[in-house]
C-alpha atoms as a PDB file:
ATOM      1  CA  MET A   1      15.213 -97.138  92.043  1.00  0.00           C
ATOM      2  CA  ALA A   2      14.187 -97.609  88.409  1.00  0.00           C
ATOM      3  CA  GLN A   3      16.964 -98.266  85.910  1.00  0.00           C
ATOM      4  CA  ASP A   4      17.347 -95.752  83.077  1.00  0.00           C
ATOM      5  CA  ALA A   5      16.031 -96.890  79.703  1.00  0.00           C
ATOM      6  CA  ASP A   6      18.576 -98.042  77.141  1.00  0.00           C
ATOM      7  CA  ILE A   7      19.653 -95.455  74.581  1.00  0.00           C
ATOM      8  CA  SER A   8      19.561 -96.403  70.902  1.00  0.00           C
ATOM      9  CA  ILE A   9      19.768 -94.487  67.625  1.00  0.00           C
ATOM     10  CA  ARG A  10      17.430 -95.201  64.733  1.00  0.00           C
ATOM     11  CA  SER A  11      18.163 -93.798  61.270  1.00  0.00           C
ATOM     12  CA  ALA A  12      15.838 -93.120  58.346  1.00  0.00           C
ATOM     13  CA  LEU A  13      15.562 -91.150  55.121  1.00  0.00           C
ATOM     14  CA  ILE A  14      12.348 -89.105  55.384  1.00  0.00           C
ATOM     15  CA  ASN A  15      10.593 -86.050  53.923  1.00  0.00           C
ATOM     16  CA  ARG A  16      10.150 -82.599  55.460  1.00  0.00           C
ATOM     17  CA  GLU A  17       6.593 -83.239  56.658  1.00  0.00           C
ATOM     18  CA  GLN A  18       7.686 -86.360  58.518  1.00  0.00           C
ATOM     19  CA  LEU A  19      10.606 -84.452  60.028  1.00  0.00           C
ATOM     20  CA  ILE A  20       8.366 -81.643  61.293  1.00  0.00           C
ATOM     21  CA  GLU A  21       6.102 -84.240  62.902  1.00  0.00           C
ATOM     22  CA  LYS A  22       9.076 -85.755  64.711  1.00  0.00           C
ATOM     23  CA  ILE A  23      10.302 -82.324  65.854  1.00  0.00           C
ATOM     24  CA  ASN A  24       6.843 -81.429  67.184  1.00  0.00           C
ATOM     25  CA  LYS A  25       6.769 -84.681  69.176  1.00  0.00           C
ATOM     26  CA  GLY A  26       9.874 -83.463  71.014  1.00  0.00           C
ATOM     27  CA  GLU A  27      12.151 -86.198  69.707  1.00  0.00           C
ATOM     28  CA  TYR A  28      15.936 -85.753  69.886  1.00  0.00           C
ATOM     29  CA  LEU A  29      17.211 -85.649  66.316  1.00  0.00           C
ATOM     30  CA  VAL A  30      20.484 -85.328  64.388  1.00  0.00           C
ATOM     31  CA  ILE A  31      19.571 -84.158  60.877  1.00  0.00           C
ATOM     32  CA  ALA A  32      21.357 -84.019  57.519  1.00  0.00           C
ATOM     33  CA  ALA A  33      19.744 -82.365  54.494  1.00  0.00           C
ATOM     34  CA  ASP A  34      20.123 -79.722  51.815  1.00  0.00           C
ATOM     35  CA  GLU A  35      19.805 -76.171  53.139  1.00  0.00           C
ATOM     36  CA  SER A  36      16.555 -75.683  51.206  1.00  0.00           C
ATOM     37  CA  VAL A  37      14.704 -78.172  53.415  1.00  0.00           C
ATOM     38  CA  LEU A  38      16.361 -77.123  56.681  1.00  0.00           C
ATOM     39  CA  THR A  39      15.231 -73.500  56.431  1.00  0.00           C
ATOM     40  CA  ASP A  40      12.567 -72.391  58.935  1.00  0.00           C
ATOM     41  CA  LEU A  41      12.067 -75.687  60.739  1.00  0.00           C
ATOM     42  CA  PRO A  42      10.183 -75.555  64.065  1.00  0.00           C
ATOM     43  CA  SER A  43      12.243 -75.187  67.207  1.00  0.00           C
ATOM     44  CA  GLY A  44      12.930 -78.394  69.052  1.00  0.00           C
ATOM     45  CA  ASN A  45      15.452 -80.908  70.295  1.00  0.00           C
ATOM     46  CA  TRP A  46      17.558 -81.152  67.165  1.00  0.00           C
ATOM     47  CA  ILE A  47      20.835 -80.301  65.512  1.00  0.00           C
ATOM     48  CA  ALA A  48      21.450 -80.333  61.764  1.00  0.00           C
ATOM     49  CA  GLY A  49      24.051 -79.954  59.061  1.00  0.00           C
ATOM     50  CA  THR A  50      23.696 -79.101  55.387  1.00  0.00           C
ATOM     51  CA  ILE A  51      24.516 -81.909  52.962  1.00  0.00           C
ATOM     52  CA  PRO A  52      22.452 -83.546  50.172  1.00  0.00           C
ATOM     53  CA  TYR A  53      24.594 -86.712  49.906  1.00  0.00           C
ATOM     54  CA  PHE A  54      23.678 -89.854  51.839  1.00  0.00           C
ATOM     55  CA  MET A  55      24.488 -93.514  52.208  1.00  0.00           C
ATOM     56  CA  THR A  56      21.085 -95.239  52.398  1.00  0.00           C
ATOM     57  CA  THR A  57      19.914 -98.841  52.635  1.00  0.00           C
ATOM     58  CA  GLU A  58      19.728 -98.734  48.819  1.00  0.00           C
ATOM     59  CA  GLY A  59      23.246 -97.326  48.414  1.00  0.00           C
ATOM     60  CA  GLY A  60      24.903 -93.945  47.933  1.00  0.00           C
ATOM     61  CA  THR A  61      22.596 -91.191  46.674  1.00  0.00           C
ATOM     62  CA  VAL A  62      22.237 -87.439  46.228  1.00  0.00           C
ATOM     63  CA  ASP A  63      18.844 -85.931  47.070  1.00  0.00           C
ATOM     64  CA  ARG A  64      18.029 -82.267  47.699  1.00  0.00           C
ATOM     65  CA  GLU A  65      14.516 -83.058  48.960  1.00  0.00           C
ATOM     66  CA  LYS A  66      14.979 -85.940  51.411  1.00  0.00           C
ATOM     67  CA  ILE A  67      16.311 -85.703  54.937  1.00  0.00           C
ATOM     68  CA  PHE A  68      18.541 -88.194  56.728  1.00  0.00           C
ATOM     69  CA  VAL A  69      17.682 -88.265  60.403  1.00  0.00           C
ATOM     70  CA  ASN A  70      19.152 -90.066  63.408  1.00  0.00           C
ATOM     71  CA  THR A  71      16.602 -90.342  66.226  1.00  0.00           C
ATOM     72  CA  ILE A  72      17.922 -90.759  69.775  1.00  0.00           C
ATOM     73  CA  GLU A  73      15.545 -93.230  71.426  1.00  0.00           C
ATOM     74  CA  GLY A  74      15.112 -94.109  75.088  1.00  0.00           C
ATOM     75  CA  VAL A  75      15.649 -90.533  76.319  1.00  0.00           C
ATOM     76  CA  GLN A  76      14.401 -89.893  79.865  1.00  0.00           C
ATOM     77  CA  PRO A  77      13.517 -86.349  81.043  1.00  0.00           C
ATOM     78  CA  SER A  78      15.836 -86.786  84.016  1.00  0.00           C
ATOM     79  CA  ASN A  79      18.818 -87.584  81.798  1.00  0.00           C
ATOM     80  CA  ALA A  80      18.076 -85.824  78.504  1.00  0.00           C
ATOM     81  CA  PRO A  81      20.725 -84.864  75.924  1.00  0.00           C
ATOM     82  CA  ARG A  82      22.043 -81.308  76.019  1.00  0.00           C
ATOM     83  CA  ILE A  83      22.282 -79.247  72.824  1.00  0.00           C
ATOM     84  CA  THR A  84      25.035 -76.627  72.597  1.00  0.00           C
ATOM     85  CA  LEU A  85      26.140 -73.985  70.079  1.00  0.00           C
ATOM     86  CA  TYR A  86      29.893 -73.321  69.820  1.00  0.00           C
ATOM     87  CA  ASP A  87      32.038 -70.722  68.080  1.00  0.00           C
ATOM     88  CA  GLY A  88      35.736 -70.707  67.223  1.00  0.00           C
ATOM     89  CA  ASN A  89      36.687 -69.913  70.817  1.00  0.00           C
ATOM     90  CA  SER A  90      34.154 -71.859  72.869  1.00  0.00           C
ATOM     91  CA  ILE A  91      34.593 -75.080  70.830  1.00  0.00           C
ATOM     92  CA  SER A  92      37.636 -75.754  73.023  1.00  0.00           C
ATOM     93  CA  ARG A  93      35.177 -76.602  75.851  1.00  0.00           C
ATOM     94  CA  ILE A  94      33.428 -79.398  73.957  1.00  0.00           C
ATOM     95  CA  ALA A  95      35.244 -82.265  75.669  1.00  0.00           C
ATOM     96  CA  GLN A  96      34.888 -80.672  79.103  1.00  0.00           C
ATOM     97  CA  GLU A  97      31.132 -80.354  78.547  1.00  0.00           C
ATOM     98  CA  ALA A  98      30.724 -83.921  77.265  1.00  0.00           C
ATOM     99  CA  PRO A  99      28.722 -86.256  79.507  1.00  0.00           C
ATOM    100  CA  GLU A 100      30.694 -88.084  82.173  1.00  0.00           C
ATOM    101  CA  HIS A 101      29.248 -91.331  80.818  1.00  0.00           C
ATOM    102  CA  GLY A 102      27.919 -91.070  77.269  1.00  0.00           C
ATOM    103  CA  PHE A 103      29.018 -89.505  73.995  1.00  0.00           C
ATOM    104  CA  THR A 104      28.805 -86.347  71.890  1.00  0.00           C
ATOM    105  CA  ILE A 105      27.718 -85.837  68.268  1.00  0.00           C
ATOM    106  CA  VAL A 106      29.129 -82.643  66.731  1.00  0.00           C
ATOM    107  CA  ILE A 107      28.542 -80.957  63.353  1.00  0.00           C
ATOM    108  CA  LEU A 108      30.842 -78.189  62.075  1.00  0.00           C
ATOM    109  CA  PRO A 109      30.369 -76.172  58.847  1.00  0.00           C
ATOM    110  CA  ALA A 110      33.100 -76.687  56.248  1.00  0.00           C
ATOM    111  CA  MET A 111      35.679 -73.918  55.813  1.00  0.00           C
ATOM    112  CA  SER A 112      34.403 -71.935  58.803  1.00  0.00           C
ATOM    113  CA  GLU A 113      36.477 -70.454  61.605  1.00  0.00           C
ATOM    114  CA  VAL A 114      35.169 -73.059  64.047  1.00  0.00           C
ATOM    115  CA  HIS A 115      36.054 -75.839  61.578  1.00  0.00           C
ATOM    116  CA  SER A 116      39.593 -74.490  61.309  1.00  0.00           C
ATOM    117  CA  SER A 117      39.944 -74.070  65.063  1.00  0.00           C
ATOM    118  CA  TYR A 118      38.699 -77.578  65.799  1.00  0.00           C
ATOM    119  CA  ALA A 119      40.802 -79.153  63.069  1.00  0.00           C
ATOM    120  CA  GLN A 120      44.028 -77.597  64.278  1.00  0.00           C
ATOM    121  CA  ASN A 121      43.522 -77.684  68.038  1.00  0.00           C
ATOM    122  CA  ALA A 122      41.132 -80.494  69.025  1.00  0.00           C
ATOM    123  CA  PRO A 123      43.829 -83.018  69.999  1.00  0.00           C
ATOM    124  CA  ASP A 124      44.985 -80.577  72.689  1.00  0.00           C
ATOM    125  CA  TYR A 125      41.562 -79.685  74.149  1.00  0.00           C
ATOM    126  CA  ALA A 126      41.098 -80.317  77.868  1.00  0.00           C
ATOM    127  CA  ASN A 127      39.557 -83.758  78.585  1.00  0.00           C
ATOM    128  CA  MET A 128      39.749 -84.801  74.934  1.00  0.00           C
ATOM    129  CA  TYR A 129      39.540 -88.618  74.603  1.00  0.00           C
ATOM    130  CA  PHE A 130      37.785 -88.989  78.000  1.00  0.00           C
ATOM    131  CA  SER A 131      34.340 -89.280  76.372  1.00  0.00           C
ATOM    132  CA  PRO A 132      33.619 -90.304  72.746  1.00  0.00           C
ATOM    133  CA  ILE A 133      33.168 -87.372  70.345  1.00  0.00           C
ATOM    134  CA  VAL A 134      31.904 -88.298  66.884  1.00  0.00           C
ATOM    135  CA  GLY A 135      30.426 -86.223  64.072  1.00  0.00           C
ATOM    136  CA  TRP A 136      30.898 -84.637  60.706  1.00  0.00           C
ATOM    137  CA  ILE A 137      31.621 -81.562  58.635  1.00  0.00           C
ATOM    138  CA  SER A 138      28.583 -80.114  56.862  1.00  0.00           C
ATOM    139  CA  GLY A 139      28.845 -79.069  53.219  1.00  0.00           C
ATOM    140  CA  VAL A 140      26.902 -78.209  50.085  1.00  0.00           C
ATOM    141  CA  HIS A 141      26.010 -79.827  46.789  1.00  0.00           C
ATOM    142  CA  LEU A 142      29.206 -79.866  44.745  1.00  0.00           C
ATOM    143  CA  GLU A 143      27.515 -77.683  42.122  1.00  0.00           C
ATOM    144  CA  ASP A 144      26.982 -75.028  44.830  1.00  0.00           C
ATOM    145  CA  ILE A 145      30.603 -74.699  45.963  1.00  0.00           C
ATOM    146  CA  GLY A 146      31.479 -71.012  45.758  1.00  0.00           C
ATOM    147  CA  SER A 147      27.855 -69.854  45.727  1.00  0.00           C
ATOM    148  CA  ARG A 148      26.623 -71.322  49.031  1.00  0.00           C
ATOM    149  CA  THR A 149      28.241 -71.873  52.407  1.00  0.00           C
ATOM    150  CA  ALA A 150      27.949 -74.944  54.561  1.00  0.00           C
ATOM    151  CA  LYS A 151      25.698 -74.433  57.581  1.00  0.00           C
ATOM    152  CA  VAL A 152      24.526 -76.050  60.783  1.00  0.00           C
ATOM    153  CA  GLY A 153      21.086 -75.881  62.389  1.00  0.00           C
ATOM    154  CA  PHE A 154      20.489 -75.202  66.083  1.00  0.00           C
ATOM    155  CA  GLY A 155      17.094 -76.641  66.967  1.00  0.00           C
ATOM    156  CA  PRO A 156      16.368 -74.747  70.190  1.00  0.00           C
ATOM    157  CA  ALA A 157      16.206 -71.483  68.177  1.00  0.00           C
ATOM    158  CA  ARG A 158      13.560 -71.675  65.437  1.00  0.00           C
ATOM    159  CA  GLY A 159      14.921 -71.594  61.907  1.00  0.00           C
ATOM    160  CA  MET A 160      18.433 -70.641  62.944  1.00  0.00           C
ATOM    161  CA  LEU A 161      21.156 -71.734  60.535  1.00  0.00           C
ATOM    162  CA  PHE A 162      24.767 -70.729  61.121  1.00  0.00           C
ATOM    163  CA  ASP A 163      27.834 -70.818  58.881  1.00  0.00           C
ATOM    164  CA  GLN A 164      30.408 -69.877  61.540  1.00  0.00           C
ATOM    165  CA  GLN A 165      29.244 -71.925  64.532  1.00  0.00           C
ATOM    166  CA  ALA A 166      29.189 -75.616  65.400  1.00  0.00           C
ATOM    167  CA  VAL A 167      26.407 -77.569  67.074  1.00  0.00           C
ATOM    168  CA  ALA A 168      26.720 -80.521  69.419  1.00  0.00           C
ATOM    169  CA  MET A 169      24.406 -82.924  71.178  1.00  0.00           C
ATOM    170  CA  HIS A 170      25.803 -84.304  74.428  1.00  0.00           C
ATOM    171  CA  ILE A 171      24.065 -87.634  75.048  1.00  0.00           C
ATOM    172  CA  PRO A 172      24.283 -89.378  78.447  1.00  0.00           C
ATOM    173  CA  LEU A 173      24.151 -93.168  78.592  1.00  0.00           C
ATOM    174  CA  PRO A 174      22.918 -95.386  81.436  1.00  0.00           C
ATOM    175  CA  SER A 175      25.690 -97.130  83.337  1.00  0.00           C
ATOM    176  CA  ASN A 176      25.020-100.478  81.625  1.00  0.00           C
ATOM    177  CA  GLN A 177      25.795 -99.089  78.145  1.00  0.00           C
ATOM    178  CA  LEU A 178      29.047 -97.989  76.522  1.00  0.00           C
ATOM    179  CA  ALA A 179      29.780 -96.005  73.339  1.00  0.00           C
ATOM    180  CA  ASN A 180      32.765 -96.768  71.133  1.00  0.00           C
ATOM    181  CA  ILE A 181      34.101 -94.989  68.041  1.00  0.00           C
ATOM    182  CA  ASN A 182      35.624 -96.874  65.123  1.00  0.00           C
ATOM    183  CA  ILE A 183      37.415 -95.592  62.024  1.00  0.00           C
ATOM    184  CA  VAL A 184      37.552 -97.401  58.702  1.00  0.00           C
ATOM    185  CA  ASN A 185      40.499 -95.965  56.793  1.00  0.00           C
ATOM    186  CA  LEU A 186      41.507 -97.794  53.635  1.00  0.00           C
ATOM    187  CA  PHE A 187      44.648 -95.721  53.183  1.00  0.00           C
ATOM    188  CA  THR A 188      48.135 -96.422  54.428  1.00  0.00           C
ATOM    189  CA  GLN A 189      51.401 -94.627  53.764  1.00  0.00           C
ATOM    190  CA  GLY A 190      52.867 -95.369  50.358  1.00  0.00           C
ATOM    191  CA  ASP A 191      56.488 -95.964  49.472  1.00  0.00           C
ATOM    192  CA  GLY A 192      57.170 -92.399  48.360  1.00  0.00           C
ATOM    193  CA  PRO A 193      59.394 -89.851  50.082  1.00  0.00           C
ATOM    194  CA  GLU A 194      58.865 -88.448  53.561  1.00  0.00           C
ATOM    195  CA  ILE A 195      57.205 -85.007  53.473  1.00  0.00           C
ATOM    196  CA  LYS A 196      57.319 -82.571  56.407  1.00  0.00           C
ATOM    197  CA  PHE A 197      55.984 -79.040  56.918  1.00  0.00           C
ATOM    198  CA  LYS A 198      57.273 -76.201  59.074  1.00  0.00           C
ATOM    199  CA  ASN A 199      53.812 -74.814  59.812  1.00  0.00           C
ATOM    200  CA  THR A 200      50.382 -76.220  60.706  1.00  0.00           C
ATOM    201  CA  GLY A 201      47.608 -75.235  58.293  1.00  0.00           C
ATOM    202  CA  PHE A 202      45.048 -75.918  55.570  1.00  0.00           C
ATOM    203  CA  SER A 203      47.183 -74.338  52.836  1.00  0.00           C
ATOM    204  CA  VAL A 204      50.804 -75.313  52.261  1.00  0.00           C
ATOM    205  CA  SER A 205      53.623 -74.521  49.900  1.00  0.00           C
ATOM    206  CA  ASP A 206      57.143 -74.962  51.313  1.00  0.00           C
ATOM    207  CA  CYS A 207      58.041 -78.333  52.767  1.00  0.00           C
ATOM    208  CA  THR A 208      60.924 -80.756  53.008  1.00  0.00           C
ATOM    209  CA  ILE A 209      60.965 -83.931  50.929  1.00  0.00           C
ATOM    210  CA  ASN A 210      63.338 -86.521  52.348  1.00  0.00           C
ATOM    211  CA  GLY A 211      64.962 -83.647  54.228  1.00  0.00           C
ATOM    212  CA  GLU A 212      65.483 -81.415  51.178  1.00  0.00           C
ATOM    213  CA  GLU A 213      63.751 -78.029  50.820  1.00  0.00           C
ATOM    214  CA  ALA A 214      60.944 -78.243  48.263  1.00  0.00           C
ATOM    215  CA  ASN A 215      57.541 -76.930  47.198  1.00  0.00           C
ATOM    216  CA  LEU A 216      54.609 -79.350  47.495  1.00  0.00           C
ATOM    217  CA  ALA A 217      52.737 -77.983  44.455  1.00  0.00           C
ATOM    218  CA  ASP A 218      55.841 -78.436  42.301  1.00  0.00           C
ATOM    219  CA  TYR A 219      56.410 -81.926  43.662  1.00  0.00           C
ATOM    220  CA  ILE A 220      52.816 -82.974  42.868  1.00  0.00           C
ATOM    221  CA  LYS A 221      53.052 -81.534  39.359  1.00  0.00           C
ATOM    222  CA  TYR A 222      56.416 -82.920  38.324  1.00  0.00           C
ATOM    223  CA  SER A 223      55.989 -86.301  40.042  1.00  0.00           C
ATOM    224  CA  LYS A 224      52.485 -86.679  38.559  1.00  0.00           C
ATOM    225  CA  ILE A 225      50.953 -87.454  41.951  1.00  0.00           C
ATOM    226  CA  ASP A 226      47.337 -88.655  41.876  1.00  0.00           C
ATOM    227  CA  THR A 227      45.703 -86.053  44.130  1.00  0.00           C
ATOM    228  CA  ARG A 228      42.787 -88.386  44.845  1.00  0.00           C
ATOM    229  CA  LEU A 229      45.240 -90.018  47.236  1.00  0.00           C
ATOM    230  CA  PRO A 230      45.634 -88.236  50.580  1.00  0.00           C
ATOM    231  CA  LEU A 231      48.749 -87.422  52.499  1.00  0.00           C
ATOM    232  CA  VAL A 232      48.941 -89.918  55.360  1.00  0.00           C
ATOM    233  CA  ALA A 233      50.593 -89.571  58.746  1.00  0.00           C
ATOM    234  CA  ASN A 234      51.259 -92.580  60.951  1.00  0.00           C
ATOM    235  CA  TYR A 235      50.383 -91.774  64.576  1.00  0.00           C
ATOM    236  CA  SER A 236      51.671 -94.842  66.422  1.00  0.00           C
ATOM    237  CA  GLY A 237      49.931 -97.160  63.999  1.00  0.00           C
ATOM    238  CA  VAL A 238      46.821 -94.985  63.471  1.00  0.00           C
ATOM    239  CA  MET A 239      46.701 -93.623  59.924  1.00  0.00           C
ATOM    240  CA  ILE A 240      45.441 -90.019  59.667  1.00  0.00           C
ATOM    241  CA  ASN A 241      44.606 -88.705  56.191  1.00  0.00           C
ATOM    242  CA  VAL A 242      44.916 -85.158  54.870  1.00  0.00           C
ATOM    243  CA  SER A 243      43.034 -84.842  51.575  1.00  0.00           C
ATOM    244  CA  ILE A 244      44.003 -82.559  48.702  1.00  0.00           C
ATOM    245  CA  GLN A 245      41.388 -79.939  47.834  1.00  0.00           C
ATOM    246  CA  GLN A 246      43.237 -78.328  44.950  1.00  0.00           C
ATOM    247  CA  VAL A 247      46.696 -77.581  43.607  1.00  0.00           C
ATOM    248  CA  ASP A 248      46.921 -73.843  43.004  1.00  0.00           C
ATOM    249  CA  GLU A 249      49.680 -73.727  40.408  1.00  0.00           C
ATOM    250  CA  SER A 250      49.455 -69.943  39.893  1.00  0.00           C
ATOM    251  CA  ASN A 251      50.303 -69.365  43.571  1.00  0.00           C
ATOM    252  CA  ASN A 252      52.434 -72.499  43.953  1.00  0.00           C
ATOM    253  CA  LYS A 253      50.434 -73.780  46.929  1.00  0.00           C
ATOM    254  CA  VAL A 254      48.214 -76.718  47.831  1.00  0.00           C
ATOM    255  CA  ASP A 255      44.856 -76.299  49.578  1.00  0.00           C
ATOM    256  CA  LEU A 256      43.788 -79.113  51.904  1.00  0.00           C
ATOM    257  CA  TYR A 257      40.540 -80.399  53.458  1.00  0.00           C
ATOM    258  CA  ALA A 258      42.263 -80.825  56.833  1.00  0.00           C
ATOM    259  CA  PRO A 259      45.399 -79.265  58.240  1.00  0.00           C
ATOM    260  CA  VAL A 260      48.835 -80.774  58.118  1.00  0.00           C
ATOM    261  CA  PHE A 261      50.743 -80.454  61.366  1.00  0.00           C
ATOM    262  CA  ALA A 262      54.222 -79.041  61.687  1.00  0.00           C
ATOM    263  CA  ASP A 263      57.114 -81.515  61.958  1.00  0.00           C
ATOM    264  CA  ILE A 264      54.897 -84.573  61.372  1.00  0.00           C
ATOM    265  CA  SER A 265      56.022 -87.085  58.776  1.00  0.00           C
ATOM    266  CA  TYR A 266      53.621 -87.567  55.822  1.00  0.00           C
ATOM    267  CA  ARG A 267      53.668 -89.746  52.726  1.00  0.00           C
ATOM    268  CA  PHE A 268      51.172 -89.987  49.893  1.00  0.00           C
ATOM    269  CA  ALA A 269      48.891 -92.992  50.287  1.00  0.00           C
ATOM    270  CA  LYS A 270      49.072 -96.294  48.483  1.00  0.00           C
ATOM    271  CA  PRO A 271      46.325 -96.624  45.830  1.00  0.00           C
ATOM    272  CA  VAL A 272      43.195 -98.626  46.742  1.00  0.00           C
ATOM    273  CA  ASP A 273      42.161-100.942  43.918  1.00  0.00           C
ATOM    274  CA  ASN A 274      38.565-101.735  44.886  1.00  0.00           C
ATOM    275  CA  TYR A 275      36.905 -99.598  47.543  1.00  0.00           C
ATOM    276  CA  ILE A 276      33.874-101.793  48.267  1.00  0.00           C
ATOM    277  CA  GLU A 277      35.919-104.987  48.381  1.00  0.00           C
ATOM    278  CA  SER A 278      38.553-103.342  50.593  1.00  0.00           C
ATOM    279  CA  PHE A 279      35.880-101.859  52.837  1.00  0.00           C
ATOM    280  CA  ASN A 280      34.202-105.216  53.382  1.00  0.00           C
ATOM    281  CA  LYS A 281      37.552-106.715  54.366  1.00  0.00           C
ATOM    282  CA  GLU A 282      38.166-103.914  56.844  1.00  0.00           C
ATOM    283  CA  LEU A 283      34.731-104.188  58.429  1.00  0.00           C
ATOM    284  CA  SER A 284      34.349-107.678  59.849  1.00  0.00           C
ATOM    285  CA  ALA A 285      31.034-109.494  59.660  1.00  0.00           C
ATOM    286  CA  SER A 286      30.297-108.813  63.316  1.00  0.00           C
ATOM    287  CA  ALA A 287      31.502-105.208  63.363  1.00  0.00           C
ATOM    288  CA  SER A 288      28.244-103.844  62.021  1.00  0.00           C
ATOM    289  CA  GLU A 289      26.301-105.198  65.017  1.00  0.00           C
ATOM    290  CA  GLY A 290      25.283-102.424  67.359  1.00  0.00           C
ATOM    291  CA  ILE A 291      26.331 -99.623  65.010  1.00  0.00           C
ATOM    292  CA  SER A 292      24.223 -96.603  65.895  1.00  0.00           C
ATOM    293  CA  PHE A 293      25.684 -93.738  63.871  1.00  0.00           C
ATOM    294  CA  SER A 294      27.998 -93.475  60.865  1.00  0.00           C
ATOM    295  CA  CYS A 295      29.233 -91.019  58.252  1.00  0.00           C
ATOM    296  CA  ASN A 296      31.410 -91.389  55.171  1.00  0.00           C
ATOM    297  CA  CYS A 297      33.535 -88.874  53.282  1.00  0.00           C
ATOM    298  CA  ILE A 298      32.375 -87.149  50.080  1.00  0.00           C
ATOM    299  CA  LEU A 299      35.787 -87.936  48.559  1.00  0.00           C
ATOM    300  CA  ASN A 300      35.204 -91.663  49.075  1.00  0.00           C
ATOM    301  CA  TYR A 301      31.791 -91.188  47.452  1.00  0.00           C
ATOM    302  CA  LEU A 302      33.308 -89.427  44.434  1.00  0.00           C
ATOM    303  CA  TYR A 303      36.589 -91.227  43.894  1.00  0.00           C
ATOM    304  CA  SER A 304      35.177 -94.691  44.607  1.00  0.00           C
ATOM    305  CA  GLU A 305      31.939 -94.043  42.685  1.00  0.00           C
ATOM    306  CA  LEU A 306      29.685 -95.054  45.563  1.00  0.00           C
ATOM    307  CA  GLU A 307      26.437 -93.819  44.019  1.00  0.00           C
ATOM    308  CA  GLY A 308      24.079 -96.793  44.115  1.00  0.00           C
ATOM    309  CA  LYS A 309      26.626 -98.939  45.993  1.00  0.00           C
ATOM    310  CA  LYS A 310      26.241-100.107  49.581  1.00  0.00           C
ATOM    311  CA  THR A 311      28.832-100.064  52.334  1.00  0.00           C
ATOM    312  CA  ARG A 312      27.457-103.064  54.208  1.00  0.00           C
ATOM    313  CA  ASP A 313      24.437-101.941  56.242  1.00  0.00           C
ATOM    314  CA  LEU A 314      25.976 -98.637  57.342  1.00  0.00           C
ATOM    315  CA  THR A 315      23.881 -95.582  56.540  1.00  0.00           C
ATOM    316  CA  GLY A 316      24.383 -91.886  57.192  1.00  0.00           C
ATOM    317  CA  PRO A 317      25.427 -88.572  55.691  1.00  0.00           C
ATOM    318  CA  ILE A 318      28.202 -88.346  53.094  1.00  0.00           C
ATOM    319  CA  THR A 319      30.237 -85.492  54.498  1.00  0.00           C
ATOM    320  CA  PHE A 320      32.988 -82.920  53.926  1.00  0.00           C
ATOM    321  CA  GLY A 321      34.987 -84.467  56.770  1.00  0.00           C
ATOM    322  CA  GLU A 322      34.516 -86.833  59.679  1.00  0.00           C
ATOM    323  CA  VAL A 323      35.076 -86.408  63.400  1.00  0.00           C
ATOM    324  CA  ALA A 324      36.368 -89.225  65.576  1.00  0.00           C
ATOM    325  CA  TYR A 325      37.633 -87.056  68.416  1.00  0.00           C
ATOM    326  CA  GLN A 326      39.732 -85.092  65.879  1.00  0.00           C
ATOM    327  CA  LEU A 327      39.012 -84.133  62.274  1.00  0.00           C
ATOM    328  CA  LEU A 328      39.523 -86.867  59.665  1.00  0.00           C
ATOM    329  CA  ASN A 329      39.352 -87.075  55.857  1.00  0.00           C
ATOM    330  CA  GLN A 330      38.572 -89.887  53.434  1.00  0.00           C
ATOM    331  CA  THR A 331      37.427 -92.225  56.192  1.00  0.00           C
ATOM    332  CA  LEU A 332      34.244 -93.889  57.335  1.00  0.00           C
ATOM    333  CA  VAL A 333      33.508 -93.295  61.016  1.00  0.00           C
ATOM    334  CA  TYR A 334      30.958 -95.172  63.068  1.00  0.00           C
ATOM    335  CA  LEU A 335      29.777 -95.231  66.657  1.00  0.00           C
ATOM    336  CA  SER A 336      28.477 -98.362  68.313  1.00  0.00           C
ATOM    337  CA  ILE A 337      26.565 -98.643  71.579  1.00  0.00           C
ATOM    338  CA  SER A 338      27.129-101.862  73.501  1.00  0.00           C
ATOM    339  CA  GLY A 339      25.481-103.292  76.592  1.00  0.00           C
ATOM    340  CA  GLY A 340      21.905-102.592  77.576  1.00  0.00           C
ATOM    341  CA  SER A 341      19.062-104.790  78.699  1.00  0.00           C
ATOM    342  CA  ARG A 342      19.283-108.486  78.119  1.00  0.00           C
END
């Protein structure tokens, strides 16, 4: 019995004509690009998300014309990836529908119902953490916030872009290969007070600060908190960030890029002095070997001024959120595939 071919992922920054050629060849593709170049693509074996920000081999860049594509190589017809469209209800099945041995890449549009549902409920989905789930939150050019919505593309239906659904590619691996997800998070809890919330959500007002009733917007204002720093929760040594979108002083509330969870202890993060230097310390020299897929947060790109700067040899979309099983903010997430033919 012939052994299945090894699966690998090759990434490249290409133009629309090159992308259409790859689609027409039947290649399995995960695509990131501005909506203008994703419109009316041929049907095929692809999923996509809108975003014009990328980390390339030359460094961070914004480009409305180019397309960042991950090509799944080594696919056999007998064990091909499966492409699925999910809504706010069906997204709860994503882990159950993941390959028994393999991984899933998911893209969800920012600020959609499915984004909200996944963000708040993913840790409790059936079979979550049994098979690696990695991915990102699609977005728009920052100049287009308020005038355009983030979208995903579903390749099997020609030209179909959705702003309220998620797309996923479930990718089986041969038995001799293994996928692993890693998170690079430069933030840890600072020395400030403990902050807790009564309700789970993307928008918060009332909270407790060191056990005393308070309002988060007031606390940020009067304590002069740097809102480039996320709230951080410590989950048994794993730091999970919740990034500040805006402080709405007129309504005395704070809008977030990810939900806070009720009764979890948060603190604002310690400042990071030098992002690139800190990143290189976090990512060991050997860690980049075998990396197949990665994405980095738009807030890291902005606050750390990553335009033109490299994050080692990791390339991928700069996103409105990252997925490493659950939704993350202000992190870099990467997936590595180990094993394979000698």
